[in-house]
């Protein structure tokens, strides 16, 4: 997750250039549409309570030892680090250019990993708030088109101070309100990240889950978070 300083991220990104760059932009959202959802829109104070606990993340990833490492309240902008701008939304969660013009108002992000220089699992769970459910739904619809523009493609990502990494993107799936796609690092010993995006009420649940194993880790985490949102 790139919404922290380079020093804080050094231990996380060493493994396989897993988590992208390290921008920390203080961008803010704009207004959005009204909602007709049966539950009132969530306030920003409710976001922190939606994160999965370390125990839940460990269970979802099929591992042990993962702990909350970093917290963030700002979207990132890694546009300058990626070769194919169409793939920015697939590269990682909560990128500012991806949310520009959507009407978002606040975000909360949390990284979890093993406390080591080379973690074997990495999770970035991000929550982006909209004024109303209609805004979140419109963002999901736009994202479905945006993600497809990077389906079955390759791009290069060059984190600050690190060597370029080539990523191969698989097919994008849009199933029952869940966007998902897997990207795999070339020469990374199987290192792959599953991106997952869903919305519930006025919240976008935006997840990256990385491992040397393959599984629907990102999808499962996003489902569990979304199930905690009053709808």
C-alpha atoms as a PDB file:
ATOM      1  CA  UNK A   1       0.000   0.000   0.000  1.00  0.00           C
ATOM      2  CA  UNK A   2       1.504   3.278  -1.094  1.00  0.00           C
ATOM      3  CA  UNK A   3      -0.118   5.782   1.223  1.00  0.00           C
ATOM      4  CA  UNK A   4       2.830   5.714   3.630  1.00  0.00           C
ATOM      5  CA  UNK A   5       6.415   6.922   3.516  1.00  0.00           C
ATOM      6  CA  UNK A   6       9.188   5.035   1.748  1.00  0.00           C
ATOM      7  CA  UNK A   7      10.931   4.281   5.039  1.00  0.00           C
ATOM      8  CA  UNK A   8       7.843   2.689   6.534  1.00  0.00           C
ATOM      9  CA  UNK A   9       7.315   0.569   3.439  1.00  0.00           C
ATOM     10  CA  UNK A  10      10.856  -0.683   2.983  1.00  0.00           C
ATOM     11  CA  UNK A  11      10.296  -3.938   4.841  1.00  0.00           C
ATOM     12  CA  UNK A  12       7.067  -4.666   2.997  1.00  0.00           C
ATOM     13  CA  UNK A  13       8.143  -4.128  -0.605  1.00  0.00           C
ATOM     14  CA  UNK A  14      11.423  -6.034  -0.548  1.00  0.00           C
ATOM     15  CA  UNK A  15       9.997  -9.484  -1.206  1.00  0.00           C
ATOM     16  CA  UNK A  16       8.879  -9.248  -4.808  1.00  0.00           C
ATOM     17  CA  UNK A  17       8.041  -5.617  -5.436  1.00  0.00           C
ATOM     18  CA  UNK A  18       4.669  -6.664  -4.104  1.00  0.00           C
ATOM     19  CA  UNK A  19       2.990  -3.498  -2.990  1.00  0.00           C
ATOM     20  CA  UNK A  20       3.889  -0.859  -5.547  1.00  0.00           C
ATOM     21  CA  UNK A  21       5.135   2.639  -4.817  1.00  0.00           C
ATOM     22  CA  UNK A  22       4.867   4.862  -1.784  1.00  0.00           C
ATOM     23  CA  UNK A  23       3.046   8.085  -2.646  1.00  0.00           C
ATOM     24  CA  UNK A  24       1.226   9.843   0.199  1.00  0.00           C
ATOM     25  CA  UNK A  25      -1.092  12.330  -1.433  1.00  0.00           C
ATOM     26  CA  UNK A  26      -3.491  14.410   0.667  1.00  0.00           C
ATOM     27  CA  UNK A  27      -6.209  14.412  -2.001  1.00  0.00           C
ATOM     28  CA  UNK A  28      -9.827  14.736  -0.952  1.00  0.00           C
ATOM     29  CA  UNK A  29     -13.057  13.682  -2.623  1.00  0.00           C
ATOM     30  CA  UNK A  30     -15.896  15.782  -3.929  1.00  0.00           C
ATOM     31  CA  UNK A  31     -19.621  15.637  -3.459  1.00  0.00           C
ATOM     32  CA  UNK A  32     -21.805  12.741  -4.572  1.00  0.00           C
ATOM     33  CA  UNK A  33     -25.392  11.677  -5.258  1.00  0.00           C
ATOM     34  CA  UNK A  34     -28.147  10.955  -2.793  1.00  0.00           C
ATOM     35  CA  UNK A  35     -29.087   7.444  -1.644  1.00  0.00           C
ATOM     36  CA  UNK A  36     -32.220   5.317  -1.659  1.00  0.00           C
ATOM     37  CA  UNK A  37     -30.699   2.471   0.368  1.00  0.00           C
ATOM     38  CA  UNK A  38     -32.773   1.044   3.221  1.00  0.00           C
ATOM     39  CA  UNK A  39     -29.959   1.722   5.712  1.00  0.00           C
ATOM     40  CA  UNK A  40     -28.596   5.220   6.262  1.00  0.00           C
ATOM     41  CA  UNK A  41     -25.183   5.974   4.765  1.00  0.00           C
ATOM     42  CA  UNK A  42     -22.263   5.096   7.011  1.00  0.00           C
ATOM     43  CA  UNK A  43     -20.227   7.901   8.555  1.00  0.00           C
ATOM     44  CA  UNK A  44     -16.441   7.998   8.334  1.00  0.00           C
ATOM     45  CA  UNK A  45     -16.179   6.991  11.996  1.00  0.00           C
ATOM     46  CA  UNK A  46     -17.653   3.588  11.167  1.00  0.00           C
ATOM     47  CA  UNK A  47     -14.937   2.599   8.693  1.00  0.00           C
ATOM     48  CA  UNK A  48     -12.284   1.435  11.160  1.00  0.00           C
ATOM     49  CA  UNK A  49     -14.737  -1.058  12.636  1.00  0.00           C
ATOM     50  CA  UNK A  50     -15.160  -2.772   9.263  1.00  0.00           C
ATOM     51  CA  UNK A  51     -11.570  -4.013   8.953  1.00  0.00           C
ATOM     52  CA  UNK A  52     -10.965  -7.713   9.476  1.00  0.00           C
ATOM     53  CA  UNK A  53      -8.886  -8.518  12.547  1.00  0.00           C
ATOM     54  CA  UNK A  54      -5.402 -10.061  12.225  1.00  0.00           C
ATOM     55  CA  UNK A  55      -6.858 -13.428  13.268  1.00  0.00           C
ATOM     56  CA  UNK A  56      -9.480 -13.195  10.527  1.00  0.00           C
ATOM     57  CA  UNK A  57      -6.869 -12.184   7.955  1.00  0.00           C
ATOM     58  CA  UNK A  58      -4.606 -15.078   8.957  1.00  0.00           C
ATOM     59  CA  UNK A  59      -7.531 -17.483   8.591  1.00  0.00           C
ATOM     60  CA  UNK A  60      -8.496 -16.030   5.200  1.00  0.00           C
ATOM     61  CA  UNK A  61      -4.911 -16.300   3.934  1.00  0.00           C
ATOM     62  CA  UNK A  62      -4.371 -19.784   5.388  1.00  0.00           C
ATOM     63  CA  UNK A  63      -1.307 -18.675   7.325  1.00  0.00           C
ATOM     64  CA  UNK A  64      -0.137 -17.423  10.719  1.00  0.00           C
ATOM     65  CA  UNK A  65       1.811 -14.495  12.060  1.00  0.00           C
ATOM     66  CA  UNK A  66       0.236 -11.698  10.031  1.00  0.00           C
ATOM     67  CA  UNK A  67      -0.304  -8.528  12.028  1.00  0.00           C
ATOM     68  CA  UNK A  68      -1.484  -5.003  11.342  1.00  0.00           C
ATOM     69  CA  UNK A  69       1.574  -3.110  10.136  1.00  0.00           C
ATOM     70  CA  UNK A  70       0.406   0.242   8.785  1.00  0.00           C
ATOM     71  CA  UNK A  71      -2.676   2.458   8.737  1.00  0.00           C
ATOM     72  CA  UNK A  72      -3.577   5.109   6.192  1.00  0.00           C
ATOM     73  CA  UNK A  73      -6.175   7.805   5.539  1.00  0.00           C
ATOM     74  CA  UNK A  74      -5.019   9.023   2.118  1.00  0.00           C
ATOM     75  CA  UNK A  75      -5.323   7.710  -1.399  1.00  0.00           C
ATOM     76  CA  UNK A  76      -2.105   7.209  -3.346  1.00  0.00           C
ATOM     77  CA  UNK A  77      -1.023   8.214  -6.833  1.00  0.00           C
ATOM     78  CA  UNK A  78       1.386   5.782  -8.491  1.00  0.00           C
ATOM     79  CA  UNK A  79       0.728   6.997 -12.039  1.00  0.00           C
ATOM     80  CA  UNK A  80       4.383   7.817 -12.648  1.00  0.00           C
ATOM     81  CA  UNK A  81       5.520   4.316 -11.611  1.00  0.00           C
ATOM     82  CA  UNK A  82       3.412   2.179 -13.961  1.00  0.00           C
ATOM     83  CA  UNK A  83       3.997   1.656 -17.683  1.00  0.00           C
ATOM     84  CA  UNK A  84       0.338   1.125 -18.607  1.00  0.00           C
ATOM     85  CA  UNK A  85      -1.964   3.690 -17.033  1.00  0.00           C
ATOM     86  CA  UNK A  86      -4.971   1.497 -17.874  1.00  0.00           C
ATOM     87  CA  UNK A  87      -3.677  -0.969 -15.266  1.00  0.00           C
ATOM     88  CA  UNK A  88      -3.396   1.404 -12.306  1.00  0.00           C
ATOM     89  CA  UNK A  89      -6.655   0.182 -10.767  1.00  0.00           C
ATOM     90  CA  UNK A  90      -5.473  -3.427 -11.053  1.00  0.00           C
ATOM     91  CA  UNK A  91      -2.035  -2.676  -9.609  1.00  0.00           C
ATOM     92  CA  UNK A  92      -3.277  -1.827  -6.136  1.00  0.00           C
ATOM     93  CA  UNK A  93      -6.186  -0.621  -4.038  1.00  0.00           C
ATOM     94  CA  UNK A  94      -7.245   2.953  -3.311  1.00  0.00           C
ATOM     95  CA  UNK A  95      -5.385   4.849  -6.053  1.00  0.00           C
ATOM     96  CA  UNK A  96      -6.359   8.522  -6.264  1.00  0.00           C
ATOM     97  CA  UNK A  97      -6.587   8.732 -10.087  1.00  0.00           C
ATOM     98  CA  UNK A  98      -8.949   5.732 -10.033  1.00  0.00           C
ATOM     99  CA  UNK A  99     -11.330   7.525  -7.646  1.00  0.00           C
ATOM    100  CA  UNK A 100     -11.021  10.984  -9.207  1.00  0.00           C
ATOM    101  CA  UNK A 101     -14.423  12.379 -10.123  1.00  0.00           C
ATOM    102  CA  UNK A 102     -16.317   9.607  -8.317  1.00  0.00           C
ATOM    103  CA  UNK A 103     -17.459  11.761  -5.400  1.00  0.00           C
ATOM    104  CA  UNK A 104     -15.567   9.866  -2.679  1.00  0.00           C
ATOM    105  CA  UNK A 105     -15.233  11.660   0.655  1.00  0.00           C
ATOM    106  CA  UNK A 106     -12.890   9.639   2.900  1.00  0.00           C
ATOM    107  CA  UNK A 107     -10.810   6.477   3.059  1.00  0.00           C
ATOM    108  CA  UNK A 108      -9.220   4.180   5.593  1.00  0.00           C
ATOM    109  CA  UNK A 109      -6.557   1.623   4.730  1.00  0.00           C
ATOM    110  CA  UNK A 110      -4.718  -1.079   6.653  1.00  0.00           C
ATOM    111  CA  UNK A 111      -1.789  -3.297   5.690  1.00  0.00           C
ATOM    112  CA  UNK A 112      -1.207  -6.674   7.326  1.00  0.00           C
ATOM    113  CA  UNK A 113       1.842  -8.890   6.907  1.00  0.00           C
ATOM    114  CA  UNK A 114       4.248 -11.093   8.808  1.00  0.00           C
ATOM    115  CA  UNK A 115       6.693  -8.973  10.846  1.00  0.00           C
ATOM    116  CA  UNK A 116       9.667  -9.734   8.587  1.00  0.00           C
ATOM    117  CA  UNK A 117      11.669  -8.109   5.808  1.00  0.00           C
ATOM    118  CA  UNK A 118      10.329 -10.697   3.385  1.00  0.00           C
ATOM    119  CA  UNK A 119       6.754 -11.559   4.334  1.00  0.00           C
ATOM    120  CA  UNK A 120       5.176 -14.534   2.597  1.00  0.00           C
ATOM    121  CA  UNK A 121       1.688 -12.995   2.638  1.00  0.00           C
ATOM    122  CA  UNK A 122       0.545  -9.398   2.303  1.00  0.00           C
ATOM    123  CA  UNK A 123      -2.937  -7.862   2.574  1.00  0.00           C
ATOM    124  CA  UNK A 124      -4.047  -4.288   1.903  1.00  0.00           C
ATOM    125  CA  UNK A 125      -7.656  -3.740   2.962  1.00  0.00           C
ATOM    126  CA  UNK A 126      -8.951  -0.311   1.943  1.00  0.00           C
ATOM    127  CA  UNK A 127     -12.364   1.251   2.528  1.00  0.00           C
ATOM    128  CA  UNK A 128     -13.500   4.270   0.531  1.00  0.00           C
ATOM    129  CA  UNK A 129     -16.551   6.249   1.619  1.00  0.00           C
ATOM    130  CA  UNK A 130     -19.125   7.929  -0.623  1.00  0.00           C
ATOM    131  CA  UNK A 131     -21.901  10.320   0.432  1.00  0.00           C
ATOM    132  CA  UNK A 132     -24.551   7.796  -0.603  1.00  0.00           C
ATOM    133  CA  UNK A 133     -24.998   4.259  -1.907  1.00  0.00           C
ATOM    134  CA  UNK A 134     -25.717   5.531  -5.409  1.00  0.00           C
ATOM    135  CA  UNK A 135     -22.222   7.002  -5.588  1.00  0.00           C
ATOM    136  CA  UNK A 136     -20.604   3.746  -4.550  1.00  0.00           C
ATOM    137  CA  UNK A 137     -22.695   1.822  -7.080  1.00  0.00           C
ATOM    138  CA  UNK A 138     -21.743   4.220  -9.873  1.00  0.00           C
ATOM    139  CA  UNK A 139     -18.073   3.817  -8.971  1.00  0.00           C
ATOM    140  CA  UNK A 140     -18.396   0.032  -9.186  1.00  0.00           C
ATOM    141  CA  UNK A 141     -19.973   0.272 -12.633  1.00  0.00           C
ATOM    142  CA  UNK A 142     -17.176   2.538 -13.857  1.00  0.00           C
ATOM    143  CA  UNK A 143     -14.549   0.259 -12.292  1.00  0.00           C
ATOM    144  CA  UNK A 144     -15.905  -2.791 -14.115  1.00  0.00           C
ATOM    145  CA  UNK A 145     -15.128  -1.049 -17.414  1.00  0.00           C
ATOM    146  CA  UNK A 146     -11.789   0.287 -16.207  1.00  0.00           C
ATOM    147  CA  UNK A 147     -10.524  -3.083 -14.962  1.00  0.00           C
ATOM    148  CA  UNK A 148     -11.448  -4.729 -18.272  1.00  0.00           C
ATOM    149  CA  UNK A 149      -9.046  -2.374 -20.049  1.00  0.00           C
ATOM    150  CA  UNK A 150      -6.187  -4.210 -18.280  1.00  0.00           C
ATOM    151  CA  UNK A 151      -7.533  -7.756 -18.663  1.00  0.00           C
ATOM    152  CA  UNK A 152      -5.018 -10.302 -20.018  1.00  0.00           C
ATOM    153  CA  UNK A 153      -2.206  -7.779 -20.347  1.00  0.00           C
ATOM    154  CA  UNK A 154       1.323  -7.152 -19.059  1.00  0.00           C
ATOM    155  CA  UNK A 155       2.763  -3.990 -17.557  1.00  0.00           C
ATOM    156  CA  UNK A 156       5.889  -2.854 -15.750  1.00  0.00           C
ATOM    157  CA  UNK A 157       5.824  -1.293 -12.304  1.00  0.00           C
ATOM    158  CA  UNK A 158       8.903   0.448 -10.865  1.00  0.00           C
ATOM    159  CA  UNK A 159       8.663   1.282  -7.153  1.00  0.00           C
ATOM    160  CA  UNK A 160      10.747   4.202  -6.005  1.00  0.00           C
ATOM    161  CA  UNK A 161      14.323   3.103  -5.405  1.00  0.00           C
ATOM    162  CA  UNK A 162      13.717  -0.431  -6.715  1.00  0.00           C
ATOM    163  CA  UNK A 163      14.122  -2.339  -9.959  1.00  0.00           C
ATOM    164  CA  UNK A 164      11.242  -2.629 -12.432  1.00  0.00           C
ATOM    165  CA  UNK A 165       8.945  -5.633 -12.106  1.00  0.00           C
ATOM    166  CA  UNK A 166       6.838  -7.105 -14.894  1.00  0.00           C
ATOM    167  CA  UNK A 167       3.327  -8.224 -13.996  1.00  0.00           C
ATOM    168  CA  UNK A 168       1.004 -10.452 -16.016  1.00  0.00           C
ATOM    169  CA  UNK A 169      -2.700  -9.767 -15.512  1.00  0.00           C
ATOM    170  CA  UNK A 170      -5.302 -12.495 -15.914  1.00  0.00           C
ATOM    171  CA  UNK A 171      -8.925 -12.241 -16.958  1.00  0.00           C
ATOM    172  CA  UNK A 172     -11.166  -9.849 -15.036  1.00  0.00           C
ATOM    173  CA  UNK A 173     -14.233 -11.393 -13.401  1.00  0.00           C
ATOM    174  CA  UNK A 174     -17.430  -9.563 -12.457  1.00  0.00           C
ATOM    175  CA  UNK A 175     -19.552 -12.042 -10.527  1.00  0.00           C
ATOM    176  CA  UNK A 176     -22.437 -11.257  -8.172  1.00  0.00           C
ATOM    177  CA  UNK A 177     -21.230  -7.747  -7.496  1.00  0.00           C
ATOM    178  CA  UNK A 178     -17.575  -8.681  -6.984  1.00  0.00           C
ATOM    179  CA  UNK A 179     -14.830  -7.529  -9.351  1.00  0.00           C
ATOM    180  CA  UNK A 180     -11.670  -9.621  -9.183  1.00  0.00           C
ATOM    181  CA  UNK A 181      -8.466 -10.238 -11.095  1.00  0.00           C
ATOM    182  CA  UNK A 182      -5.098 -11.853 -10.425  1.00  0.00           C
ATOM    183  CA  UNK A 183      -1.730 -10.395 -11.369  1.00  0.00           C
ATOM    184  CA  UNK A 184       1.464 -12.467 -11.206  1.00  0.00           C
ATOM    185  CA  UNK A 185       5.028 -11.199 -11.057  1.00  0.00           C
ATOM    186  CA  UNK A 186       7.419 -12.452 -13.691  1.00  0.00           C
ATOM    187  CA  UNK A 187      10.331 -14.231 -11.987  1.00  0.00           C
ATOM    188  CA  UNK A 188       8.694 -13.885  -8.583  1.00  0.00           C
ATOM    189  CA  UNK A 189       8.517 -17.600  -7.658  1.00  0.00           C
ATOM    190  CA  UNK A 190       4.762 -17.565  -8.005  1.00  0.00           C
ATOM    191  CA  UNK A 191       4.227 -14.275  -6.176  1.00  0.00           C
ATOM    192  CA  UNK A 192       0.748 -13.101  -7.128  1.00  0.00           C
ATOM    193  CA  UNK A 193      -1.844 -10.636  -5.930  1.00  0.00           C
ATOM    194  CA  UNK A 194      -5.602 -10.973  -6.223  1.00  0.00           C
ATOM    195  CA  UNK A 195      -7.458  -7.690  -6.491  1.00  0.00           C
ATOM    196  CA  UNK A 196     -11.061  -7.568  -5.372  1.00  0.00           C
ATOM    197  CA  UNK A 197     -13.584  -4.742  -5.331  1.00  0.00           C
ATOM    198  CA  UNK A 198     -17.174  -4.680  -4.161  1.00  0.00           C
ATOM    199  CA  UNK A 199     -19.511  -2.036  -2.754  1.00  0.00           C
ATOM    200  CA  UNK A 200     -22.042  -2.173   0.040  1.00  0.00           C
ATOM    201  CA  UNK A 201     -24.244   0.762   0.998  1.00  0.00           C
ATOM    202  CA  UNK A 202     -22.001   3.833   0.533  1.00  0.00           C
ATOM    203  CA  UNK A 203     -18.675   1.999   1.020  1.00  0.00           C
ATOM    204  CA  UNK A 204     -16.269   0.615  -1.582  1.00  0.00           C
ATOM    205  CA  UNK A 205     -14.319  -2.379  -0.279  1.00  0.00           C
ATOM    206  CA  UNK A 206     -11.011  -2.386  -2.171  1.00  0.00           C
ATOM    207  CA  UNK A 207      -8.613  -5.262  -1.401  1.00  0.00           C
ATOM    208  CA  UNK A 208      -5.215  -6.549  -2.507  1.00  0.00           C
ATOM    209  CA  UNK A 209      -4.103  -9.949  -1.188  1.00  0.00           C
ATOM    210  CA  UNK A 210      -0.665 -11.288  -2.162  1.00  0.00           C
ATOM    211  CA  UNK A 211       0.955 -14.675  -1.618  1.00  0.00           C
ATOM    212  CA  UNK A 212       3.175 -17.309  -3.213  1.00  0.00           C
ATOM    213  CA  UNK A 213       0.089 -19.541  -3.145  1.00  0.00           C
ATOM    214  CA  UNK A 214      -2.923 -19.064  -5.370  1.00  0.00           C
ATOM    215  CA  UNK A 215      -6.396 -18.740  -3.940  1.00  0.00           C
ATOM    216  CA  UNK A 216      -9.401 -16.457  -3.797  1.00  0.00           C
ATOM    217  CA  UNK A 217      -7.870 -14.617  -0.861  1.00  0.00           C
ATOM    218  CA  UNK A 218      -8.833 -11.129  -1.995  1.00  0.00           C
ATOM    219  CA  UNK A 219     -12.388 -12.146  -2.846  1.00  0.00           C
ATOM    220  CA  UNK A 220     -12.916 -13.873   0.500  1.00  0.00           C
ATOM    221  CA  UNK A 221     -11.571 -10.910   2.467  1.00  0.00           C
ATOM    222  CA  UNK A 222     -13.664  -8.420   0.507  1.00  0.00           C
ATOM    223  CA  UNK A 223     -16.800 -10.540   1.064  1.00  0.00           C
ATOM    224  CA  UNK A 224     -16.182 -10.719   4.805  1.00  0.00           C
ATOM    225  CA  UNK A 225     -15.694  -6.957   5.081  1.00  0.00           C
ATOM    226  CA  UNK A 226     -18.740  -6.197   2.937  1.00  0.00           C
ATOM    227  CA  UNK A 227     -20.880  -8.483   5.098  1.00  0.00           C
ATOM    228  CA  UNK A 228     -20.159  -6.192   8.065  1.00  0.00           C
ATOM    229  CA  UNK A 229     -21.637  -3.155   6.304  1.00  0.00           C
ATOM    230  CA  UNK A 230     -25.298  -2.381   7.100  1.00  0.00           C
ATOM    231  CA  UNK A 231     -27.093  -2.430   3.764  1.00  0.00           C
END
